[in-house]
Amino acid sequence: MPWSNQGGGGGGPWGSGGKGPWGSGPQSSGPTPPNLEEILRRGQDNLRRVLPGGNLGGKGFALLGLAAIALWGFSGFFRVEPDELGVVLRFGQDVREVQPGLNYHLPYPIETVLTPKALRVNKIDIGMRQVEDGRRSASREVPEESLMLTGDENIVDVNFSVLWKVKPTGVGDYLFNIQNPEGTVKAVAESAMREVVGRSEIQPILTGARQTVENAVQELMQKTLDHYGAGILVQQVQLQKVDPPAQVIDAFRDVQAARADLERAQNEAQTYANRVVPEARGNVAKITQAAEAYKSQTVAEATGQTSRFVKIYEEYKKAPEVTRERMYLETMERVLGGSNKIIVDSNPGAQGVVPYLPLNELGPPTPPRSPSTTGGQR
């Protein structure tokens, strides 16, 4: 052959040793690749031992096909745990949801199933972390999450927890609209809390507005997650701790104590005012009513005296002498009615002072006793 004279070695056009056109050949070192023909031959031998007659034939291939189809069909059974919901995908498209229990879907690759923990209530802590210390569980502060600025430019340390779960009708949104559900809920919760705290003052947050803050954060979180189409239901927001920063907590407690003393003094003053003012108003009303009564009495007496004088004057015009005598007697009766009286008889031969019998001081006469009351004492 003409190739035998090239290179002086023989064995091929590129020299001896089975070299290729680029001057390199198969390496003798390293593992030997498996022989596919040997593997197929062994598999056929094993199959002949299992099948009746020692060879496949048409019946053997049919049995193998039926067995493969049966196994493929049975592969569609799946189980959904009690805290899960199943989402069946047909060629990657969400077609239906299944409840916990044993269910079936068309075998792969026609349909597949996803089983998220949709019925379990999840909890996320923000501002703190639970750390296992031996047998005990301790809480570790995370200042970059918990320190927030209030509307009156005060810093407050807020630790809270969020309880959430997947919406029963939003499993598909939960699976396909968000990539990291826990991270999304945590980010939305922290953002909502900062917004609510940022438009509130520190004093209500520390005292009586905790429930209001929780409700506002829950409402804002749910609105944001629904806008994202996350398929997540926020069940509750729980404030665990709301305190001033540790560096100024002593001074803040002094301020709180001063405010408490101020409120107590104001309450005591208000109590005193509530007691004194009604008494003063009552005295004013009493004096006013007494003055009105005196006024009415004086006017009535003056009116009566005027009417009496007019009537006397009318009688005086009719009979002056009689009226004058009557007025004199009435005046003397009024003047002498309250004084001790001594009557002197100035007639000649009289004894002088007339004996006076004080009838008013003697009282009524005592009635005589009846025989029925004195007869038993004889």
Protein backbone atom coordinates (compact mmCIF):
# COMPACT_ATOMS: atom_id res chain seq x y z
CA MET A 1 0.00 0.00 0.00
CA PRO A 2 1.19 3.53 -0.62
CA TRP A 3 0.67 4.39 3.05
CA SER A 4 3.32 1.84 4.09
CA ASN A 5 6.18 3.98 2.95
CA GLN A 6 5.13 7.18 4.81
CA GLY A 7 6.82 7.95 8.10
CA GLY A 8 8.94 4.81 8.05
CA GLY A 9 6.82 3.12 10.60
CA GLY A 10 3.71 1.73 9.03
CA GLY A 11 0.41 1.13 10.67
CA GLY A 12 -1.51 4.02 9.07
CA PRO A 13 -1.26 7.25 7.17
CA TRP A 14 -0.38 9.29 10.30
CA GLY A 15 2.29 6.86 11.56
CA SER A 16 2.27 3.99 13.98
CA GLY A 17 0.39 3.78 17.20
CA GLY A 18 -3.07 4.56 15.85
CA LYS A 19 -2.56 8.35 15.85
CA GLY A 20 -5.18 10.62 14.45
CA PRO A 21 -4.87 13.39 11.92
CA TRP A 22 -3.87 15.93 14.66
CA GLY A 23 -1.02 13.73 15.90
CA SER A 24 -2.69 12.32 18.96
CA GLY A 25 -4.26 8.97 19.65
CA PRO A 26 -6.22 7.26 22.38
CA GLN A 27 -4.55 7.36 25.75
CA SER A 28 -3.69 4.04 27.29
CA SER A 29 -4.11 5.31 30.90
CA GLY A 30 -7.43 5.94 32.71
CA PRO A 31 -10.61 3.86 33.23
CA THR A 32 -11.94 1.81 30.36
CA PRO A 33 -15.43 2.89 29.17
CA PRO A 34 -18.22 0.32 29.61
CA ASN A 35 -18.99 -1.97 26.72
CA LEU A 36 -22.60 -1.30 25.68
CA GLU A 37 -22.82 -4.47 23.64
CA GLU A 38 -21.83 -6.53 26.65
CA ILE A 39 -24.45 -4.81 28.83
CA LEU A 40 -27.23 -5.42 26.25
CA ARG A 41 -26.22 -9.04 25.85
CA ARG A 42 -26.36 -9.65 29.60
CA GLY A 43 -29.76 -7.98 29.86
CA GLN A 44 -31.14 -10.19 27.08
CA ASP A 45 -29.81 -13.28 28.84
CA ASN A 46 -31.46 -12.30 32.12
CA LEU A 47 -34.74 -11.58 30.32
CA ARG A 48 -34.68 -15.00 28.60
CA ARG A 49 -34.35 -16.68 32.00
CA VAL A 50 -37.43 -14.84 33.32
CA LEU A 51 -39.75 -15.17 30.33
CA PRO A 52 -41.32 -18.55 29.53
CA GLY A 53 -39.74 -20.32 26.59
CA GLY A 54 -36.47 -18.52 27.05
CA ASN A 55 -37.11 -15.82 24.46
CA LEU A 56 -39.27 -12.67 24.17
CA GLY A 57 -41.56 -13.26 21.26
CA GLY A 58 -44.71 -11.27 20.61
CA LYS A 59 -46.43 -12.34 23.83
CA GLY A 60 -43.48 -11.33 25.97
CA PHE A 61 -43.34 -7.89 24.45
CA ALA A 62 -47.08 -7.50 25.04
CA LEU A 63 -46.72 -8.44 28.70
CA LEU A 64 -43.86 -6.04 29.09
CA GLY A 65 -45.91 -3.27 27.48
CA LEU A 66 -48.92 -3.96 29.72
CA ALA A 67 -46.73 -3.98 32.82
CA ALA A 68 -45.10 -0.72 31.82
CA ILE A 69 -48.50 0.89 31.14
CA ALA A 70 -49.84 -0.36 34.50
CA LEU A 71 -46.84 1.01 36.37
CA TRP A 72 -47.16 4.32 34.51
CA GLY A 73 -50.85 4.54 35.39
CA PHE A 74 -50.31 3.73 39.08
CA SER A 75 -47.67 6.42 39.31
CA GLY A 76 -50.47 9.03 39.25
CA PHE A 77 -51.63 8.23 42.80
CA PHE A 78 -50.42 10.70 45.44
CA ARG A 79 -51.22 11.59 49.02
CA VAL A 80 -51.87 15.07 50.42
CA GLU A 81 -51.09 15.51 54.14
CA PRO A 82 -53.62 17.08 56.57
CA ASP A 83 -51.85 20.46 56.60
CA GLU A 84 -51.38 20.56 52.81
CA LEU A 85 -53.36 21.35 49.70
CA GLY A 86 -52.62 19.77 46.33
CA VAL A 87 -52.32 21.78 43.12
CA VAL A 88 -52.46 19.68 39.96
CA LEU A 89 -50.55 21.03 36.96
CA ARG A 90 -51.30 19.83 33.44
CA PHE A 91 -48.31 20.53 31.24
CA GLY A 92 -47.34 23.23 33.77
CA GLN A 93 -50.78 24.92 33.93
CA ASP A 94 -52.82 25.01 37.15
CA VAL A 95 -56.00 23.01 36.46
CA ARG A 96 -57.43 22.13 39.91
CA GLU A 97 -56.87 21.94 43.66
CA VAL A 98 -57.32 18.80 45.75
CA GLN A 99 -58.01 18.36 49.46
CA PRO A 100 -55.96 16.29 51.96
CA GLY A 101 -56.13 12.54 51.44
CA LEU A 102 -55.40 10.04 48.66
CA ASN A 103 -55.85 11.57 45.20
CA TYR A 104 -55.02 10.81 41.59
CA HIS A 105 -53.68 12.76 38.64
CA LEU A 106 -52.72 11.77 35.14
CA PRO A 107 -49.22 10.28 35.18
CA TYR A 108 -46.10 12.23 34.40
CA PRO A 109 -45.40 14.02 32.09
CA ILE A 110 -49.06 14.87 31.47
CA GLU A 111 -49.83 16.07 34.98
CA THR A 112 -47.78 16.81 38.07
CA VAL A 113 -48.75 17.91 41.60
CA LEU A 114 -47.45 20.45 44.11
CA THR A 115 -48.34 20.11 47.81
CA PRO A 116 -47.63 23.35 49.74
CA LYS A 117 -48.33 23.63 53.50
CA ALA A 118 -51.42 25.71 52.79
CA LEU A 119 -53.46 24.78 55.89
CA ARG A 120 -50.73 25.42 58.45
CA VAL A 121 -50.58 28.70 60.39
CA ASN A 122 -47.09 30.16 60.10
CA LYS A 123 -45.43 32.58 62.51
CA ILE A 124 -42.73 35.14 61.77
CA ASP A 125 -40.93 37.13 64.48
CA ILE A 126 -39.63 40.59 63.60
CA GLY A 127 -37.17 42.43 65.81
CA MET A 128 -36.17 39.27 67.68
CA ARG A 129 -35.04 35.70 67.06
CA GLN A 130 -35.65 32.57 69.09
CA VAL A 131 -32.30 30.94 69.90
CA GLU A 132 -32.03 27.45 71.37
CA ASP A 133 -29.65 27.56 74.33
CA GLY A 134 -29.35 23.98 75.48
CA ARG A 135 -32.75 22.98 76.78
CA ARG A 136 -34.05 26.53 76.99
CA SER A 137 -35.22 28.88 74.29
CA ALA A 138 -33.90 32.46 74.53
CA SER A 139 -34.82 35.57 72.59
CA ARG A 140 -32.16 37.56 70.77
CA GLU A 141 -32.76 41.17 69.80
CA VAL A 142 -32.31 42.34 66.19
CA PRO A 143 -31.94 46.15 66.42
CA GLU A 144 -31.85 46.71 62.67
CA GLU A 145 -35.43 45.40 62.51
CA SER A 146 -36.88 46.63 65.82
CA LEU A 147 -35.71 50.27 66.08
CA MET A 148 -38.26 52.62 64.48
CA LEU A 149 -38.88 56.36 64.35
CA THR A 150 -42.24 57.71 65.54
CA GLY A 151 -44.15 60.68 64.18
CA ASP A 152 -42.96 62.96 67.01
CA GLU A 153 -39.31 62.07 66.24
CA ASN A 154 -38.73 59.58 69.03
CA ILE A 155 -37.05 56.19 68.68
CA VAL A 156 -39.01 53.15 69.85
CA ASP A 157 -37.97 49.50 70.09
CA VAL A 158 -40.77 47.31 68.67
CA ASN A 159 -40.82 43.50 68.65
CA PHE A 160 -43.83 41.84 67.08
CA SER A 161 -45.01 38.59 65.53
CA VAL A 162 -47.16 37.91 62.47
CA LEU A 163 -49.44 34.88 62.11
CA TRP A 164 -50.27 34.08 58.49
CA LYS A 165 -51.47 31.26 56.27
CA VAL A 166 -52.28 30.60 52.64
CA LYS A 167 -55.71 31.69 51.46
CA PRO A 168 -57.95 28.68 50.74
CA THR A 169 -58.70 30.11 47.29
CA GLY A 170 -55.24 31.51 46.64
CA VAL A 171 -52.95 28.48 46.57
CA GLY A 172 -52.10 29.05 42.92
CA ASP A 173 -51.20 32.69 43.59
CA TYR A 174 -49.07 31.59 46.54
CA LEU A 175 -47.13 29.12 44.38
CA PHE A 176 -46.63 31.15 41.21
CA ASN A 177 -46.78 34.87 42.10
CA ILE A 178 -44.12 35.05 44.82
CA GLN A 179 -40.79 33.28 45.00
CA ASN A 180 -39.97 33.54 48.73
CA PRO A 181 -43.22 33.65 50.78
CA GLU A 182 -41.63 33.98 54.21
CA GLY A 183 -39.24 36.70 53.09
CA THR A 184 -42.10 38.56 51.38
CA VAL A 185 -44.31 38.44 54.48
CA LYS A 186 -41.43 39.58 56.69
CA ALA A 187 -40.54 42.51 54.42
CA VAL A 188 -44.18 43.60 54.11
CA ALA A 189 -44.71 43.32 57.90
CA GLU A 190 -41.64 45.39 58.75
CA SER A 191 -42.57 48.04 56.17
CA ALA A 192 -46.18 48.25 57.41
CA MET A 193 -45.11 48.55 61.06
CA ARG A 194 -42.64 51.32 60.24
CA GLU A 195 -45.33 53.22 58.35
CA VAL A 196 -47.89 52.93 61.16
CA VAL A 197 -45.34 53.85 63.85
CA GLY A 198 -44.05 56.71 61.69
CA ARG A 199 -47.42 58.44 61.65
CA SER A 200 -48.12 57.89 65.39
CA GLU A 201 -46.78 59.52 68.54
CA ILE A 202 -44.74 57.55 71.05
CA GLN A 203 -47.00 58.05 74.07
CA PRO A 204 -50.11 56.28 72.68
CA ILE A 205 -47.96 53.46 71.30
CA LEU A 206 -46.46 52.80 74.74
CA THR A 207 -49.77 52.99 76.62
CA GLY A 208 -53.24 52.42 75.23
CA ALA A 209 -52.95 52.29 71.43
CA ARG A 210 -51.39 48.82 71.08
CA GLN A 211 -54.60 47.27 69.72
CA THR A 212 -55.02 50.14 67.29
CA VAL A 213 -51.46 49.69 66.01
CA GLU A 214 -51.93 45.94 65.58
CA ASN A 215 -55.15 46.37 63.60
CA ALA A 216 -53.63 49.10 61.41
CA VAL A 217 -50.55 46.98 60.61
CA GLN A 218 -52.67 43.92 59.82
CA GLU A 219 -54.92 45.91 57.49
CA LEU A 220 -51.99 47.52 55.69
CA MET A 221 -50.17 44.17 55.32
CA GLN A 222 -53.25 42.48 53.86
CA LYS A 223 -53.79 45.32 51.41
CA THR A 224 -50.16 45.15 50.22
CA LEU A 225 -50.12 41.35 49.88
CA ASP A 226 -53.40 41.40 47.95
CA HIS A 227 -51.90 44.02 45.64
CA TYR A 228 -48.99 41.64 44.99
CA GLY A 229 -51.43 38.76 44.44
CA ALA A 230 -49.53 36.70 47.02
CA GLY A 231 -52.47 34.51 48.06
CA ILE A 232 -51.59 35.02 51.75
CA LEU A 233 -54.01 35.75 54.60
CA VAL A 234 -52.68 37.71 57.59
CA GLN A 235 -54.53 36.32 60.61
CA GLN A 236 -53.05 38.39 63.43
CA VAL A 237 -50.32 40.86 64.35
CA GLN A 238 -49.08 40.62 67.96
CA LEU A 239 -46.96 43.32 69.59
CA GLN A 240 -44.52 41.53 71.88
CA LYS A 241 -42.55 44.51 73.25
CA VAL A 242 -42.80 48.26 72.78
CA ASP A 243 -40.13 50.14 74.75
CA PRO A 244 -37.79 53.07 74.32
CA PRO A 245 -34.20 52.17 73.38
CA ALA A 246 -32.18 50.59 76.16
CA GLN A 247 -29.76 53.54 76.25
CA VAL A 248 -32.46 56.04 77.34
CA ILE A 249 -35.01 53.81 79.06
CA ASP A 250 -34.16 55.09 82.58
CA ALA A 251 -34.61 58.73 81.58
CA PHE A 252 -37.79 57.83 79.74
CA ARG A 253 -39.18 56.14 82.86
CA ASP A 254 -38.49 59.32 84.83
CA VAL A 255 -40.43 61.28 82.24
CA GLN A 256 -43.29 58.80 82.47
CA ALA A 257 -43.31 59.10 86.27
CA ALA A 258 -43.42 62.90 86.01
CA ARG A 259 -46.32 62.69 83.58
CA ALA A 260 -48.13 60.32 85.93
CA ASP A 261 -47.65 62.79 88.81
CA LEU A 262 -48.94 65.59 86.58
CA GLU A 263 -52.05 63.61 85.68
CA ARG A 264 -52.63 62.72 89.34
CA ALA A 265 -52.38 66.39 90.39
CA GLN A 266 -54.74 67.38 87.60
CA ASN A 267 -57.22 64.71 88.66
CA GLU A 268 -57.08 65.85 92.29
CA ALA A 269 -57.63 69.49 91.24
CA GLN A 270 -60.52 68.46 89.04
CA THR A 271 -62.03 66.47 91.91
CA TYR A 272 -61.76 69.49 94.23
CA ALA A 273 -63.30 71.73 91.57
CA ASN A 274 -66.13 69.26 91.06
CA ARG A 275 -66.86 69.38 94.79
CA VAL A 276 -66.49 73.12 95.44
CA VAL A 277 -68.12 74.57 92.34
CA PRO A 278 -71.50 72.82 92.86
CA GLU A 279 -71.50 73.96 96.52
CA ALA A 280 -70.82 77.55 95.48
CA ARG A 281 -73.50 77.36 92.83
CA GLY A 282 -75.92 75.98 95.43
CA ASN A 283 -75.15 78.82 97.83
CA VAL A 284 -75.63 81.35 95.04
CA ALA A 285 -78.97 79.82 94.17
CA LYS A 286 -79.98 79.79 97.86
CA ILE A 287 -79.09 83.47 98.35
CA THR A 288 -80.81 84.42 95.11
CA GLN A 289 -83.98 82.57 96.08
CA ALA A 290 -83.94 84.13 99.58
CA ALA A 291 -83.59 87.60 98.03
CA GLU A 292 -86.42 86.89 95.63
CA ALA A 293 -88.57 85.69 98.53
CA TYR A 294 -87.75 88.78 100.61
CA LYS A 295 -88.52 90.96 97.62
CA SER A 296 -91.84 89.24 97.03
CA GLN A 297 -92.69 89.45 100.76
CA THR A 298 -91.81 93.15 101.00
CA VAL A 299 -93.73 94.01 97.87
CA ALA A 300 -96.73 92.03 99.07
CA GLU A 301 -96.66 93.70 102.49
CA ALA A 302 -96.34 97.14 100.90
CA THR A 303 -99.18 96.35 98.57
CA GLY A 304 -101.29 95.16 101.50
CA GLN A 305 -100.48 98.23 103.55
CA THR A 306 -101.38 100.43 100.61
CA SER A 307 -104.67 98.63 100.12
CA ARG A 308 -105.40 98.87 103.87
CA PHE A 309 -104.60 102.58 103.92
CA VAL A 310 -106.80 103.22 100.91
CA LYS A 311 -109.67 101.34 102.50
CA ILE A 312 -109.24 103.20 105.81
CA TYR A 313 -109.12 106.45 103.94
CA GLU A 314 -112.35 105.62 102.19
CA GLU A 315 -114.01 104.89 105.54
CA TYR A 316 -112.49 108.03 107.04
CA LYS A 317 -114.10 110.14 104.37
CA LYS A 318 -117.44 108.60 105.20
CA ALA A 319 -117.19 108.91 109.04
CA PRO A 320 -114.14 110.86 110.20
CA GLU A 321 -114.86 110.79 113.97
CA VAL A 322 -115.64 107.11 114.15
CA THR A 323 -112.69 106.22 112.00
CA ARG A 324 -110.33 108.40 114.02
CA GLU A 325 -111.52 106.79 117.28
CA ARG A 326 -111.12 103.34 115.84
CA MET A 327 -107.63 104.08 114.60
CA TYR A 328 -106.66 105.42 118.01
CA LEU A 329 -107.95 102.32 119.77
CA GLU A 330 -106.23 99.97 117.37
CA THR A 331 -102.98 101.88 117.71
CA MET A 332 -103.11 101.81 121.50
CA GLU A 333 -103.96 98.14 121.42
CA ARG A 334 -100.96 97.46 119.24
CA VAL A 335 -98.61 99.58 121.34
CA LEU A 336 -99.78 98.44 124.77
CA GLY A 337 -100.50 94.88 123.86
CA GLY A 338 -97.01 93.61 124.76
CA SER A 339 -96.37 95.66 127.97
CA ASN A 340 -97.29 95.23 131.62
CA LYS A 341 -100.44 97.17 132.40
CA ILE A 342 -101.21 99.01 135.67
CA ILE A 343 -104.68 100.51 135.86
CA VAL A 344 -105.13 103.44 138.23
CA ASP A 345 -108.60 104.66 139.20
CA SER A 346 -108.38 108.42 139.49
CA ASN A 347 -111.97 108.94 140.69
CA PRO A 348 -112.44 110.47 144.18
CA GLY A 349 -112.81 107.87 146.87
CA ALA A 350 -111.21 105.15 144.78
CA GLN A 351 -108.56 102.86 146.12
CA GLY A 352 -106.03 103.93 143.45
CA VAL A 353 -104.58 100.86 141.83
CA VAL A 354 -107.23 98.56 140.51
CA PRO A 355 -106.61 94.92 141.49
CA TYR A 356 -105.35 93.02 138.45
CA LEU A 357 -106.20 89.39 137.83
CA PRO A 358 -103.69 87.76 135.37
CA LEU A 359 -106.12 85.55 133.55
CA ASN A 360 -103.67 84.73 130.76
CA GLU A 361 -101.20 83.24 133.23
CA LEU A 362 -103.70 81.14 135.11
CA GLY A 363 -104.45 78.82 132.19
CA PRO A 364 -107.64 76.83 131.59
CA PRO A 365 -109.56 75.49 134.64
CA THR A 366 -108.95 71.87 135.69
CA PRO A 367 -112.03 69.67 135.09
CA PRO A 368 -113.41 67.82 138.16
CA ARG A 369 -112.57 64.12 138.54
CA SER A 370 -115.32 61.65 137.73
CA PRO A 371 -116.35 59.04 140.32
CA SER A 372 -115.19 56.23 138.02
CA THR A 373 -111.57 57.32 138.35
CA THR A 374 -111.52 57.97 142.14
CA GLY A 375 -113.84 55.38 143.49
CA GLY A 376 -111.28 52.61 143.74
CA GLN A 377 -109.08 54.61 146.20
CA ARG A 378 -111.52 55.00 149.09
